[in-house]
Amino acid sequence: MRVRVDDDKCQGHARCHALAPEVFDVDDYGHSKVRNDGLVPEGYEDRARLAIANCPEFAITEK
């Protein structure tokens, strides 16, 4: 599974990082970046999907 973050949509709530820090990193303003080129580590797929579902701007998508 891979995920991506649309930089134009991300508003820096950092919910994704709070829910799946193994998948997402954030900058000083809370804007999200994917770790590992968006490749979700095995066993963290449910957390990644939870982060996708909780993004208020729908900035995260599954590839």
Protein backbone atom coordinates (compact mmCIF):
# COMPACT_ATOMS: atom_id res chain seq x y z
CA MET A 1 0.00 0.00 0.00
CA ARG A 2 1.16 3.51 -0.82
CA VAL A 3 -0.25 6.86 0.21
CA ARG A 4 0.31 10.40 -0.97
CA VAL A 5 -0.41 13.84 0.45
CA ASP A 6 -1.63 16.67 -1.76
CA ASP A 7 0.45 19.62 -0.59
CA ASP A 8 -2.09 22.09 -1.99
CA LYS A 9 -4.89 20.64 0.15
CA CYS A 10 -3.03 19.98 3.42
CA GLN A 11 -3.81 22.67 6.00
CA GLY A 12 -1.49 21.41 8.74
CA HIS A 13 -3.88 19.81 11.22
CA ALA A 14 -1.37 16.92 11.66
CA ARG A 15 -4.10 14.38 12.43
CA CYS A 16 -2.43 11.90 10.11
CA HIS A 17 0.82 12.11 12.03
CA ALA A 18 -1.01 11.68 15.33
CA LEU A 19 -2.76 8.56 14.02
CA ALA A 20 0.09 7.03 12.01
CA PRO A 21 3.51 8.51 12.81
CA GLU A 22 5.15 5.50 11.14
CA VAL A 23 3.63 6.65 7.83
CA PHE A 24 3.52 10.46 8.09
CA ASP A 25 5.91 13.16 9.17
CA VAL A 26 5.09 16.85 9.62
CA ASP A 27 7.02 20.07 9.14
CA ASP A 28 7.21 22.94 11.63
CA TYR A 29 3.78 24.15 10.51
CA GLY A 30 2.06 20.77 10.82
CA HIS A 31 1.95 20.12 7.08
CA SER A 32 2.18 16.45 6.34
CA LYS A 33 4.77 14.57 4.32
CA VAL A 34 4.83 10.85 3.69
CA ARG A 35 7.69 8.73 4.97
CA ASN A 36 9.38 6.04 2.88
CA ASP A 37 8.18 7.55 -0.41
CA GLY A 38 4.62 6.82 0.69
CA LEU A 39 5.15 3.10 1.18
CA VAL A 40 3.18 2.02 4.25
CA PRO A 41 5.12 -0.42 6.44
CA GLU A 42 3.58 -3.87 6.72
CA GLY A 43 1.10 -4.00 9.57
CA TYR A 44 0.29 -0.26 9.48
CA GLU A 45 -2.26 -0.31 6.67
CA ASP A 46 -5.20 0.11 9.07
CA ARG A 47 -3.56 3.12 10.70
CA ALA A 48 -2.88 4.67 7.30
CA ARG A 49 -6.51 4.18 6.26
CA LEU A 50 -7.66 5.72 9.55
CA ALA A 51 -5.48 8.75 8.83
CA ILE A 52 -6.96 9.02 5.32
CA ALA A 53 -10.48 8.91 6.77
CA ASN A 54 -9.68 11.57 9.38
CA CYS A 55 -8.09 14.17 7.10
CA PRO A 56 -10.52 17.13 7.10
CA GLU A 57 -9.28 18.37 3.71
CA PHE A 58 -9.16 14.94 2.03
CA ALA A 59 -5.51 15.64 1.26
CA ILE A 60 -4.39 12.02 1.68
CA THR A 61 -5.08 9.37 -0.91
CA GLU A 62 -4.18 5.74 -1.34
CA LYS A 63 -2.22 4.98 -4.49
